[in-house]
């Protein structure tokens, strides 16, 4: 039995790997259990670690610190890569309103945290931990712990507060949504309403009857017209062709045009007449429209095309084909010459079969190569993130300089690389499954270490009068900000209930609550709102956790 003792008890690198793997495996298995449609998911790894620590299981302190830090770094960097492409675009138009409301949730929770620390006597590190649990935000907890280490203070105490508040943090958002729904929402408020989508392409057929554009080239007409459009096919005298930019339009030409729905009226005025055929039905067989041309979707897989503008390839003029639409991360984009290509873009190409085969060679279309993650960019990003996190930032009123640390630095670099990497010809593409694998692996390692470290004192803390106080404070930090801001957004600002619910889930970084909302509210508004506010709120909570401790404890 000595070998068994050395595997699980005697401190070594092998023992650390086995213990953390065992905790992660059990926790992830328990995370698949749903009670009333709700699951704590990967968070069960945290609680499994707490139980293991409570019963005396431990690993070498340096190994624990390494695994916890590395897991956190991988998780937040992969998270930054995921949210990066939508981070800055989330501030456009309606996204600004949702982000301001989500910011109100974050600031209100922060103010309540400080107020509760002064009025209840709970130390600020413990209150920050409770806030992290109440908002189900483990990256913020990691940032808080790193800050306490920099200040030479005990860094394990926030983990106890987080563990105590986390379960009600998950359920509290759901309770807040249920409360708003029960008190304020009527049946008609849940009906799905159509809304404008600037990215969504629209296909329409026009006939050229406007004398102002007779005998003018497509390029000249595009320069005359404000709305952006792509002519996919041109019919003349019974023949179909792919018009190049030099193609001259004549009276009576029939055009199949890809644009946005809001621009159809303006293009009707431009061309002269719109046909009544609906070209936007999902069951249209594009290859059966005419026998001369085929339509095929081609994937951009050649690395040298990453970051290049579509117009610079001159595919239309060189090969006589047309690219009508571009699909990127589930979003349909209009294929304008100014569109910057990214690895993994799926282009809808229309033309003759031989021409499309040539274009396929230019773009790559080697889907298998996309499944091989570019680990160089991952490790370079981690290095840059850690370097950024180590830079001291002086803030007036704080004696010690603030550092973004292991959590803040990598998430910022991840967001920047995810957003601007393709424009600098960096290959940042990873499949969704690869990104999820990185995040799940990092988060599991981090939570297993966190739970194991906190487990020794967890139950001593919970089963004391202050433990019950912590539970109550955590519930208040979850429910009070969400109910107040939810009421303002729905009742006073007249935002639809689906978007309000998604915004509340995103501001609290609570995917479990989002799953519940998606199951009970029709339409995709909750998911869209969640994705709109999640990047900013995740970033702010990581930074605020550090500033709060440094500003008030220095």
Protein backbone atom coordinates (compact mmCIF):
# COMPACT_ATOMS: atom_id res chain seq x y z
CA UNK A 1 0.00 0.00 0.00
CA UNK A 2 3.04 2.25 0.15
CA UNK A 3 2.71 3.03 -3.56
CA UNK A 4 -0.89 4.13 -2.97
CA UNK A 5 0.25 6.40 -0.14
CA UNK A 6 2.90 7.99 -2.37
CA UNK A 7 0.36 8.59 -5.15
CA UNK A 8 -2.22 10.43 -3.03
CA UNK A 9 -0.54 11.66 0.16
CA UNK A 10 3.23 12.09 -0.21
CA UNK A 11 3.98 15.50 -1.75
CA UNK A 12 5.51 15.31 -5.22
CA UNK A 13 4.85 16.53 -8.77
CA UNK A 14 3.15 13.21 -9.57
CA UNK A 15 0.95 13.42 -6.46
CA UNK A 16 -0.09 17.01 -7.30
CA UNK A 17 -1.14 16.01 -10.84
CA UNK A 18 -3.13 13.01 -9.59
CA UNK A 19 -4.90 14.90 -6.78
CA UNK A 20 -5.85 17.87 -8.97
CA UNK A 21 -6.97 15.57 -11.80
CA UNK A 22 -9.08 13.51 -9.40
CA UNK A 23 -10.73 16.64 -7.96
CA UNK A 24 -11.41 17.98 -11.46
CA UNK A 25 -12.83 14.68 -12.74
CA UNK A 26 -15.23 14.27 -9.80
CA UNK A 27 -16.27 17.93 -9.89
CA UNK A 28 -16.92 17.95 -13.65
CA UNK A 29 -18.92 14.73 -13.30
CA UNK A 30 -21.10 16.28 -10.57
CA UNK A 31 -21.48 19.40 -12.72
CA UNK A 32 -23.59 17.44 -15.20
CA UNK A 33 -26.30 16.99 -12.56
CA UNK A 34 -29.27 19.37 -12.95
CA UNK A 35 -31.67 20.23 -10.14
CA UNK A 36 -34.86 22.02 -11.28
CA UNK A 37 -33.10 22.69 -14.57
CA UNK A 38 -30.17 24.44 -12.85
CA UNK A 39 -26.59 23.20 -12.56
CA UNK A 40 -23.49 24.77 -11.03
CA UNK A 41 -21.45 23.20 -13.84
CA UNK A 42 -17.68 23.50 -13.49
CA UNK A 43 -18.13 25.20 -10.09
CA UNK A 44 -18.54 21.72 -8.58
CA UNK A 45 -14.77 21.37 -9.08
CA UNK A 46 -14.39 24.20 -6.57
CA UNK A 47 -16.62 22.51 -3.99
CA UNK A 48 -15.00 19.11 -4.57
CA UNK A 49 -11.64 20.74 -3.83
CA UNK A 50 -13.08 22.26 -0.65
CA UNK A 51 -14.23 18.83 0.55
CA UNK A 52 -10.84 17.29 -0.29
CA UNK A 53 -9.06 20.07 1.62
CA UNK A 54 -11.44 19.71 4.56
CA UNK A 55 -10.61 16.01 4.88
CA UNK A 56 -6.89 16.72 4.94
CA UNK A 57 -5.82 16.17 1.33
CA UNK A 58 -3.08 18.61 0.26
CA UNK A 59 -0.33 19.16 -2.31
CA UNK A 60 3.01 20.94 -2.17
CA UNK A 61 2.47 24.68 -1.70
CA UNK A 62 4.71 25.67 -4.64
CA UNK A 63 3.05 23.13 -6.94
CA UNK A 64 -0.35 24.40 -5.85
CA UNK A 65 0.63 28.02 -6.53
CA UNK A 66 2.03 27.14 -9.97
CA UNK A 67 -1.00 25.10 -11.06
CA UNK A 68 -3.43 27.74 -9.76
CA UNK A 69 -1.60 30.57 -11.54
CA UNK A 70 -1.16 28.71 -14.82
CA UNK A 71 -4.79 27.59 -14.87
CA UNK A 72 -5.98 31.15 -14.27
CA UNK A 73 -3.71 32.52 -17.02
CA UNK A 74 -4.91 30.01 -19.62
CA UNK A 75 -8.56 30.61 -18.71
CA UNK A 76 -8.57 34.41 -18.83
CA UNK A 77 -6.41 34.60 -21.98
CA UNK A 78 -8.69 32.18 -23.88
CA UNK A 79 -11.67 34.15 -22.56
CA UNK A 80 -10.14 37.36 -23.92
CA UNK A 81 -9.61 35.75 -27.33
CA UNK A 82 -13.24 34.67 -27.38
CA UNK A 83 -14.82 38.01 -26.45
CA UNK A 84 -12.26 40.14 -28.32
CA UNK A 85 -13.92 40.21 -31.77
CA UNK A 86 -17.16 41.56 -30.26
CA UNK A 87 -15.68 43.75 -27.51
CA UNK A 88 -15.48 47.11 -29.28
CA UNK A 89 -18.46 46.51 -31.56
CA UNK A 90 -20.60 46.02 -28.43
CA UNK A 91 -20.45 49.77 -27.83
CA UNK A 92 -22.29 50.63 -31.03
CA UNK A 93 -25.87 51.88 -31.10
CA UNK A 94 -28.15 49.89 -28.74
CA UNK A 95 -25.12 48.20 -27.21
CA UNK A 96 -24.16 51.45 -25.49
CA UNK A 97 -27.42 51.52 -23.54
CA UNK A 98 -27.10 47.88 -22.46
CA UNK A 99 -23.47 48.37 -21.45
CA UNK A 100 -24.33 51.44 -19.39
CA UNK A 101 -27.03 49.48 -17.55
CA UNK A 102 -24.63 46.60 -16.97
CA UNK A 103 -22.05 49.10 -15.72
CA UNK A 104 -24.65 50.33 -13.23
CA UNK A 105 -25.03 46.76 -11.93
CA UNK A 106 -21.25 46.49 -11.49
CA UNK A 107 -20.86 49.88 -9.74
CA UNK A 108 -23.90 49.38 -7.50
CA UNK A 109 -22.55 46.02 -6.36
CA UNK A 110 -19.13 47.56 -5.70
CA UNK A 111 -20.61 50.41 -3.62
CA UNK A 112 -22.70 47.93 -1.63
CA UNK A 113 -19.55 45.87 -0.99
CA UNK A 114 -17.71 48.83 0.49
CA UNK A 115 -20.76 49.93 2.50
CA UNK A 116 -21.29 46.43 3.92
CA UNK A 117 -17.62 46.16 4.89
CA UNK A 118 -17.86 49.34 6.99
CA UNK A 119 -21.30 48.67 8.50
CA UNK A 120 -20.97 44.95 9.30
CA UNK A 121 -17.31 44.80 10.28
CA UNK A 122 -16.49 42.15 7.67
CA UNK A 123 -12.95 42.79 6.40
CA UNK A 124 -12.59 44.17 2.90
CA UNK A 125 -10.69 41.11 1.52
CA UNK A 126 -13.52 38.89 2.75
CA UNK A 127 -16.14 41.24 1.28
CA UNK A 128 -14.34 41.27 -2.09
CA UNK A 129 -14.37 37.47 -2.00
CA UNK A 130 -18.09 37.52 -1.21
CA UNK A 131 -18.62 39.92 -4.14
CA UNK A 132 -16.72 37.57 -6.47
CA UNK A 133 -18.92 34.68 -5.36
CA UNK A 134 -22.11 36.74 -5.57
CA UNK A 135 -21.22 37.68 -9.16
CA UNK A 136 -19.89 34.16 -10.02
CA UNK A 137 -16.67 35.79 -11.23
CA UNK A 138 -13.62 33.60 -10.59
CA UNK A 139 -11.20 35.73 -12.69
CA UNK A 140 -11.96 38.67 -10.38
CA UNK A 141 -11.20 36.42 -7.40
CA UNK A 142 -7.87 35.48 -8.97
CA UNK A 143 -7.06 39.17 -9.49
CA UNK A 144 -7.95 39.94 -5.85
CA UNK A 145 -5.72 37.15 -4.57
CA UNK A 146 -2.81 38.30 -6.72
CA UNK A 147 -3.23 41.84 -5.40
CA UNK A 148 -3.17 40.67 -1.78
CA UNK A 149 0.00 38.66 -2.49
CA UNK A 150 1.64 41.79 -3.96
CA UNK A 151 0.70 43.68 -0.80
CA UNK A 152 2.17 40.96 1.44
CA UNK A 153 -1.22 40.03 2.93
CA UNK A 154 -3.01 36.69 3.41
CA UNK A 155 -4.43 35.80 0.00
CA UNK A 156 -6.61 32.78 0.81
CA UNK A 157 -9.37 34.59 2.75
CA UNK A 158 -11.28 35.90 -0.33
CA UNK A 159 -11.64 32.32 -1.56
CA UNK A 160 -13.65 31.43 1.56
CA UNK A 161 -16.06 34.33 0.98
CA UNK A 162 -16.37 33.37 -2.69
CA UNK A 163 -17.15 29.75 -1.84
CA UNK A 164 -19.82 30.75 0.68
CA UNK A 165 -21.57 33.21 -1.68
CA UNK A 166 -21.22 31.31 -4.98
CA UNK A 167 -24.26 28.95 -4.84
CA UNK A 168 -26.68 31.80 -4.11
CA UNK A 169 -24.82 33.88 -6.71
CA UNK A 170 -25.93 31.41 -9.36
CA UNK A 171 -29.49 31.12 -8.10
CA UNK A 172 -29.86 34.79 -7.10
CA UNK A 173 -29.83 36.11 -10.67
CA UNK A 174 -32.52 33.60 -11.61
CA UNK A 175 -34.58 34.71 -8.59
CA UNK A 176 -34.17 38.37 -9.61
CA UNK A 177 -35.35 37.60 -13.17
CA UNK A 178 -38.31 35.63 -11.77
CA UNK A 179 -39.22 38.50 -9.42
CA UNK A 180 -39.17 41.10 -12.23
CA UNK A 181 -41.16 38.77 -14.46
CA UNK A 182 -43.79 38.04 -11.79
CA UNK A 183 -44.29 41.69 -10.77
CA UNK A 184 -43.83 43.65 -14.00
CA UNK A 185 -44.00 41.48 -17.11
CA UNK A 186 -47.21 40.85 -19.06
CA UNK A 187 -47.78 38.04 -21.52
CA UNK A 188 -47.48 40.33 -24.54
CA UNK A 189 -44.07 41.53 -23.31
CA UNK A 190 -42.68 38.06 -24.00
CA UNK A 191 -43.70 38.02 -27.66
CA UNK A 192 -40.75 38.00 -30.05
CA UNK A 193 -40.53 41.28 -31.97
CA UNK A 194 -38.56 41.72 -35.15
CA UNK A 195 -35.63 44.09 -34.87
CA UNK A 196 -33.12 45.53 -37.26
CA UNK A 197 -29.85 43.68 -37.72
CA UNK A 198 -27.26 45.75 -39.54
CA UNK A 199 -25.17 42.63 -40.26
CA UNK A 200 -28.00 40.61 -41.78
CA UNK A 201 -27.85 40.53 -45.56
CA UNK A 202 -30.94 40.77 -47.77
CA UNK A 203 -31.31 39.53 -51.35
CA UNK A 204 -33.50 41.38 -53.86
CA UNK A 205 -33.99 41.38 -57.62
CA UNK A 206 -34.15 44.66 -59.56
CA UNK A 207 -34.76 45.71 -63.14
CA UNK A 208 -32.76 48.58 -64.60
CA UNK A 209 -35.24 51.28 -65.68
CA UNK A 210 -33.51 54.41 -64.36
CA UNK A 211 -32.08 56.43 -67.30
CA UNK A 212 -29.52 58.00 -64.98
CA UNK A 213 -27.55 54.72 -64.81
CA UNK A 214 -27.98 53.51 -68.40
CA UNK A 215 -24.59 52.72 -70.02
CA UNK A 216 -22.72 53.26 -66.74
CA UNK A 217 -20.33 50.71 -65.22
CA UNK A 218 -21.01 48.89 -61.96
CA UNK A 219 -18.01 50.67 -60.43
CA UNK A 220 -19.36 54.13 -61.38
CA UNK A 221 -22.82 53.29 -60.01
CA UNK A 222 -21.32 52.02 -56.76
CA UNK A 223 -19.50 55.33 -56.35
CA UNK A 224 -22.75 57.22 -57.01
CA UNK A 225 -24.76 55.18 -54.50
CA UNK A 226 -24.59 55.54 -50.71
CA UNK A 227 -26.02 52.07 -49.84
CA UNK A 228 -23.51 49.22 -50.11
CA UNK A 229 -24.51 46.38 -52.43
CA UNK A 230 -23.11 43.43 -54.34
CA UNK A 231 -24.54 42.34 -57.73
CA UNK A 232 -24.55 38.55 -57.58
CA UNK A 233 -26.00 37.81 -61.05
CA UNK A 234 -26.99 39.78 -64.15
CA UNK A 235 -29.52 38.51 -66.69
CA UNK A 236 -29.54 40.03 -70.21
CA UNK A 237 -31.25 38.62 -73.31
CA UNK A 238 -31.83 35.30 -71.54
CA UNK A 239 -28.17 34.88 -70.58
CA UNK A 240 -26.76 35.04 -67.05
CA UNK A 241 -23.34 36.44 -66.14
CA UNK A 242 -21.24 37.56 -63.20
CA UNK A 243 -20.78 41.31 -63.63
CA UNK A 244 -17.29 42.69 -63.08
CA UNK A 245 -16.74 46.22 -61.83
CA UNK A 246 -16.28 47.31 -65.46
CA UNK A 247 -19.58 45.78 -66.65
CA UNK A 248 -21.87 48.33 -68.36
CA UNK A 249 -25.52 48.22 -67.29
CA UNK A 250 -28.21 48.64 -69.92
CA UNK A 251 -31.95 49.27 -69.86
CA UNK A 252 -33.95 46.16 -69.01
CA UNK A 253 -31.10 44.29 -67.28
CA UNK A 254 -32.25 42.09 -64.38
CA UNK A 255 -29.97 42.15 -61.32
CA UNK A 256 -29.80 39.88 -58.29
CA UNK A 257 -28.44 42.14 -55.55
CA UNK A 258 -27.18 41.41 -52.02
CA UNK A 259 -27.56 44.33 -49.61
CA UNK A 260 -29.20 45.12 -46.25
CA UNK A 261 -32.99 45.27 -45.97
CA UNK A 262 -33.05 48.91 -44.91
CA UNK A 263 -31.32 49.88 -48.18
CA UNK A 264 -33.76 48.12 -50.53
CA UNK A 265 -35.95 51.21 -51.00
CA UNK A 266 -32.97 53.39 -51.90
CA UNK A 267 -31.70 50.78 -54.40
CA UNK A 268 -35.18 50.55 -55.93
CA UNK A 269 -34.93 54.27 -56.67
CA UNK A 270 -31.39 53.77 -57.99
CA UNK A 271 -32.13 50.87 -60.37
CA UNK A 272 -35.74 51.66 -61.21
CA UNK A 273 -37.90 48.68 -60.19
CA UNK A 274 -37.85 45.85 -57.62
CA UNK A 275 -39.25 42.43 -58.53
CA UNK A 276 -41.71 40.74 -56.18
CA UNK A 277 -39.92 37.37 -55.87
CA UNK A 278 -38.80 36.48 -52.32
CA UNK A 279 -35.12 35.50 -52.57
CA UNK A 280 -34.56 35.19 -48.80
CA UNK A 281 -36.28 31.85 -48.15
CA UNK A 282 -34.02 29.21 -46.63
CA UNK A 283 -35.09 26.46 -49.04
CA UNK A 284 -33.87 28.17 -52.24
CA UNK A 285 -31.65 25.90 -54.36
CA UNK A 286 -29.22 28.47 -55.74
CA UNK A 287 -27.62 25.97 -58.11
CA UNK A 288 -31.00 25.33 -59.76
CA UNK A 289 -31.62 28.99 -60.63
CA UNK A 290 -29.63 28.65 -63.83
CA UNK A 291 -27.56 25.90 -65.38
CA UNK A 292 -24.53 28.03 -66.23
CA UNK A 293 -23.52 29.09 -62.74
CA UNK A 294 -23.11 27.32 -59.42
CA UNK A 295 -22.97 28.64 -55.85
CA UNK A 296 -20.45 27.22 -53.40
CA UNK A 297 -19.21 28.10 -49.92
CA UNK A 298 -15.40 28.30 -49.64
CA UNK A 299 -13.44 28.65 -46.39
CA UNK A 300 -10.46 31.01 -46.08
CA UNK A 301 -7.63 28.80 -44.78
CA UNK A 302 -4.49 30.32 -46.36
CA UNK A 303 -2.65 32.21 -43.59
CA UNK A 304 -1.32 34.90 -45.96
CA UNK A 305 -4.90 36.07 -46.64
CA UNK A 306 -5.52 36.81 -42.96
CA UNK A 307 -6.01 40.56 -42.56
CA UNK A 308 -6.21 41.34 -46.29
CA UNK A 309 -9.10 43.30 -47.76
CA UNK A 310 -11.44 41.33 -50.00
CA UNK A 311 -11.14 43.90 -52.81
CA UNK A 312 -7.34 43.57 -52.92
CA UNK A 313 -7.65 39.97 -54.19
CA UNK A 314 -9.52 41.14 -57.33
CA UNK A 315 -11.21 37.74 -57.60
CA UNK A 316 -14.14 39.07 -59.60
CA UNK A 317 -12.00 40.52 -62.39
CA UNK A 318 -9.39 37.72 -62.45
CA UNK A 319 -11.73 34.73 -62.32
CA UNK A 320 -15.16 36.03 -63.35
CA UNK A 321 -16.79 35.02 -60.06
CA UNK A 322 -18.74 36.95 -57.47
CA UNK A 323 -18.61 36.75 -53.67
CA UNK A 324 -22.03 37.67 -52.33
CA UNK A 325 -21.85 36.90 -48.61
CA UNK A 326 -19.32 36.19 -45.88
CA UNK A 327 -20.11 34.11 -42.78
CA UNK A 328 -18.00 34.81 -39.69
CA UNK A 329 -18.64 33.30 -36.25
CA UNK A 330 -22.29 32.76 -37.11
CA UNK A 331 -22.76 36.33 -38.43
CA UNK A 332 -23.57 37.03 -42.09
CA UNK A 333 -21.63 39.97 -43.57
CA UNK A 334 -21.93 41.84 -46.86
CA UNK A 335 -18.93 41.06 -49.08
CA UNK A 336 -17.78 44.63 -49.79
CA UNK A 337 -14.27 45.31 -51.16
CA UNK A 338 -13.35 46.99 -47.83
CA UNK A 339 -14.14 43.88 -45.75
CA UNK A 340 -11.03 42.56 -43.96
CA UNK A 341 -10.76 38.80 -44.27
CA UNK A 342 -10.03 36.53 -41.31
CA UNK A 343 -8.92 32.94 -41.23
CA UNK A 344 -12.03 30.77 -40.99
CA UNK A 345 -14.33 33.13 -42.95
CA UNK A 346 -16.79 31.23 -45.18
CA UNK A 347 -17.38 32.95 -48.51
CA UNK A 348 -20.39 32.30 -50.74
CA UNK A 349 -18.91 32.24 -54.26
CA UNK A 350 -21.03 32.33 -57.45
CA UNK A 351 -19.61 31.52 -60.88
CA UNK A 352 -18.80 28.80 -63.37
CA UNK A 353 -17.54 25.50 -61.94
CA UNK A 354 -14.04 25.83 -63.42
CA UNK A 355 -13.66 29.40 -62.12
CA UNK A 356 -14.77 28.39 -58.63
CA UNK A 357 -12.16 25.61 -58.58
CA UNK A 358 -9.47 28.22 -59.30
CA UNK A 359 -10.78 30.52 -56.56
CA UNK A 360 -10.81 27.55 -54.19
CA UNK A 361 -7.05 27.22 -54.72
CA UNK A 362 -6.56 30.93 -53.98
CA UNK A 363 -8.60 30.93 -50.74
CA UNK A 364 -7.46 27.54 -49.48
CA UNK A 365 -10.64 25.72 -48.47
CA UNK A 366 -8.51 23.24 -46.50
CA UNK A 367 -10.86 22.94 -43.54
CA UNK A 368 -8.63 20.35 -41.89
CA UNK A 369 -5.87 22.94 -41.41
CA UNK A 370 -8.23 25.10 -39.32
CA UNK A 371 -8.55 22.31 -36.80
CA UNK A 372 -4.86 22.64 -35.93
CA UNK A 373 -4.66 25.47 -33.35
CA UNK A 374 -1.89 28.02 -33.76
CA UNK A 375 -0.22 27.55 -30.37
CA UNK A 376 2.53 30.07 -31.20
CA UNK A 377 -0.01 32.91 -31.00
CA UNK A 378 -1.37 31.50 -27.73
CA UNK A 379 2.02 31.41 -26.00
CA UNK A 380 3.12 34.77 -27.44
CA UNK A 381 -0.16 36.26 -26.19
CA UNK A 382 0.40 34.80 -22.72
CA UNK A 383 3.92 36.26 -22.59
CA UNK A 384 2.66 39.70 -23.64
CA UNK A 385 -0.24 39.45 -21.17
CA UNK A 386 2.04 38.61 -18.24
CA UNK A 387 4.44 41.40 -19.25
CA UNK A 388 1.53 43.87 -19.34
CA UNK A 389 0.25 42.55 -16.01
CA UNK A 390 3.65 43.18 -14.38
CA UNK A 391 3.82 46.88 -15.35
CA UNK A 392 3.34 49.09 -12.26
CA UNK A 393 0.65 51.75 -12.75
CA UNK A 394 0.64 54.69 -10.34
CA UNK A 395 -2.81 55.95 -9.33
CA UNK A 396 -3.23 59.09 -7.20
CA UNK A 397 -4.34 58.24 -3.68
CA UNK A 398 -2.84 54.74 -3.71
CA UNK A 399 0.59 54.34 -2.10
CA UNK A 400 1.54 51.15 -3.96
CA UNK A 401 1.37 50.97 -7.77
CA UNK A 402 -1.45 48.95 -9.28
CA UNK A 403 -0.61 45.98 -11.50
CA UNK A 404 -3.06 44.23 -13.78
CA UNK A 405 -1.55 40.96 -12.58
CA UNK A 406 -2.05 37.39 -13.78
CA UNK A 407 -5.75 37.93 -14.50
CA UNK A 408 -5.91 41.50 -15.84
CA UNK A 409 -2.90 41.45 -18.19
CA UNK A 410 -3.73 38.27 -20.15
CA UNK A 411 -7.43 39.12 -20.53
CA UNK A 412 -6.60 42.58 -21.96
CA UNK A 413 -4.01 41.17 -24.38
CA UNK A 414 -6.44 38.39 -25.32
CA UNK A 415 -9.13 40.97 -26.14
CA UNK A 416 -6.69 43.12 -28.15
CA UNK A 417 -5.26 40.18 -30.10
CA UNK A 418 -8.72 38.75 -30.69
CA UNK A 419 -9.82 42.13 -32.06
CA UNK A 420 -6.80 43.49 -33.93
CA UNK A 421 -4.67 40.37 -34.52
CA UNK A 422 -6.04 39.64 -38.01
CA UNK A 423 -5.43 43.25 -39.09
CA UNK A 424 -1.76 42.76 -38.18
CA UNK A 425 -1.77 39.42 -40.04
CA UNK A 426 -1.54 37.43 -36.80
CA UNK A 427 -3.11 33.97 -37.01
CA UNK A 428 -5.39 34.04 -33.97
CA UNK A 429 -8.08 31.69 -35.29
CA UNK A 430 -9.02 28.76 -33.08
CA UNK A 431 -12.04 26.57 -33.45
CA UNK A 432 -14.79 27.06 -30.90
CA UNK A 433 -14.09 23.62 -29.47
CA UNK A 434 -10.37 24.41 -29.05
CA UNK A 435 -11.17 27.67 -27.25
CA UNK A 436 -13.66 25.91 -24.97
CA UNK A 437 -11.08 23.21 -24.22
CA UNK A 438 -8.46 25.78 -23.20
CA UNK A 439 -10.93 27.65 -21.00
CA UNK A 440 -12.32 24.51 -19.38
CA UNK A 441 -8.85 23.09 -18.70
CA UNK A 442 -7.56 26.34 -17.21
CA UNK A 443 -10.67 26.97 -15.12
CA UNK A 444 -10.75 23.39 -13.80
CA UNK A 445 -7.09 23.62 -12.69
CA UNK A 446 -7.68 26.98 -11.06
CA UNK A 447 -10.86 25.97 -9.22
CA UNK A 448 -9.36 22.65 -8.03
CA UNK A 449 -6.38 24.50 -6.51
CA UNK A 450 -8.59 27.23 -5.11
CA UNK A 451 -10.92 24.78 -3.40
CA UNK A 452 -8.09 22.66 -2.05
CA UNK A 453 -6.44 25.73 -0.55
CA UNK A 454 -9.67 27.05 1.01
CA UNK A 455 -11.01 23.68 2.19
CA UNK A 456 -9.03 23.42 5.40
CA UNK A 457 -10.91 26.35 6.98
CA UNK A 458 -14.13 26.41 4.96
CA UNK A 459 -16.54 24.62 7.28
CA UNK A 460 -15.08 26.34 10.35
CA UNK A 461 -16.02 29.61 8.67
CA UNK A 462 -19.48 28.68 7.38
CA UNK A 463 -20.79 27.14 10.59
CA UNK A 464 -20.21 30.29 12.62
CA UNK A 465 -22.53 33.28 13.05
CA UNK A 466 -20.44 35.32 10.61
CA UNK A 467 -20.74 32.50 8.07
CA UNK A 468 -24.50 33.00 7.92
CA UNK A 469 -23.88 36.74 7.68
CA UNK A 470 -21.64 36.14 4.66
CA UNK A 471 -24.36 34.07 2.98
CA UNK A 472 -26.87 36.89 3.54
CA UNK A 473 -24.45 39.55 2.29
CA UNK A 474 -23.70 37.51 -0.84
CA UNK A 475 -27.39 37.09 -1.59
CA UNK A 476 -27.91 40.84 -1.19
CA UNK A 477 -24.98 41.67 -3.51
CA UNK A 478 -26.54 39.40 -6.14
CA UNK A 479 -30.21 40.30 -5.93
CA UNK A 480 -30.31 44.01 -4.98
CA UNK A 481 -28.30 45.45 -7.96
CA UNK A 482 -29.99 43.15 -10.50
CA UNK A 483 -33.53 43.92 -9.31
CA UNK A 484 -32.96 47.70 -9.16
CA UNK A 485 -31.28 47.97 -12.59
CA UNK A 486 -33.69 45.42 -14.10
CA UNK A 487 -36.65 47.51 -12.91
CA UNK A 488 -35.16 50.71 -14.39
CA UNK A 489 -34.32 49.02 -17.72
CA UNK A 490 -37.69 47.34 -18.20
CA UNK A 491 -40.17 49.74 -16.62
CA UNK A 492 -38.58 53.13 -17.16
CA UNK A 493 -36.41 52.62 -20.29
CA UNK A 494 -38.90 50.25 -21.99
CA UNK A 495 -36.26 47.70 -23.02
CA UNK A 496 -37.73 44.30 -23.89
CA UNK A 497 -37.68 41.72 -21.09
CA UNK A 498 -35.51 39.24 -23.03
CA UNK A 499 -32.73 41.82 -23.50
CA UNK A 500 -33.02 42.94 -19.87
CA UNK A 501 -32.68 39.36 -18.63
CA UNK A 502 -29.66 38.69 -20.88
CA UNK A 503 -28.05 41.96 -19.78
CA UNK A 504 -28.46 41.02 -16.09
CA UNK A 505 -26.96 37.57 -16.67
CA UNK A 506 -24.03 39.07 -18.61
CA UNK A 507 -23.34 41.78 -16.03
CA UNK A 508 -23.09 39.03 -13.38
CA UNK A 509 -21.02 36.72 -15.66
CA UNK A 510 -23.62 34.00 -15.04
CA UNK A 511 -23.96 31.52 -17.95
CA UNK A 512 -26.03 29.15 -15.79
CA UNK A 513 -28.70 31.84 -15.35
CA UNK A 514 -28.54 32.58 -19.10
CA UNK A 515 -29.31 28.92 -19.83
CA UNK A 516 -32.43 29.22 -17.65
CA UNK A 517 -33.47 32.49 -19.33
CA UNK A 518 -33.02 31.01 -22.82
CA UNK A 519 -35.23 28.07 -21.85
CA UNK A 520 -38.07 30.28 -20.56
CA UNK A 521 -38.01 33.35 -22.85
CA UNK A 522 -38.58 32.99 -26.62
CA UNK A 523 -36.19 34.49 -29.16
CA UNK A 524 -32.44 35.15 -29.10
CA UNK A 525 -32.54 38.60 -27.46
CA UNK A 526 -31.22 37.26 -24.11
CA UNK A 527 -28.15 35.69 -25.74
CA UNK A 528 -27.44 38.79 -27.86
CA UNK A 529 -27.69 41.08 -24.81
CA UNK A 530 -25.49 38.72 -22.76
CA UNK A 531 -22.77 38.73 -25.42
CA UNK A 532 -23.03 42.53 -25.72
CA UNK A 533 -22.30 43.33 -22.05
CA UNK A 534 -20.23 40.32 -20.97
CA UNK A 535 -16.78 41.47 -22.26
CA UNK A 536 -16.89 44.90 -20.62
CA UNK A 537 -18.28 43.62 -17.31
CA UNK A 538 -15.78 40.77 -17.09
CA UNK A 539 -12.92 43.19 -17.72
CA UNK A 540 -14.20 45.78 -15.22
CA UNK A 541 -14.74 43.29 -12.41
CA UNK A 542 -11.17 42.00 -12.76
CA UNK A 543 -9.78 45.55 -12.56
CA UNK A 544 -12.16 46.83 -9.84
CA UNK A 545 -11.31 43.94 -7.51
CA UNK A 546 -7.67 45.05 -7.54
CA UNK A 547 -8.27 48.79 -7.30
CA UNK A 548 -10.73 48.32 -4.44
CA UNK A 549 -8.19 46.43 -2.31
CA UNK A 550 -5.26 48.68 -3.11
CA UNK A 551 -7.17 51.92 -2.65
CA UNK A 552 -8.84 51.03 0.65
CA UNK A 553 -6.12 48.90 2.24
CA UNK A 554 -3.07 50.99 1.35
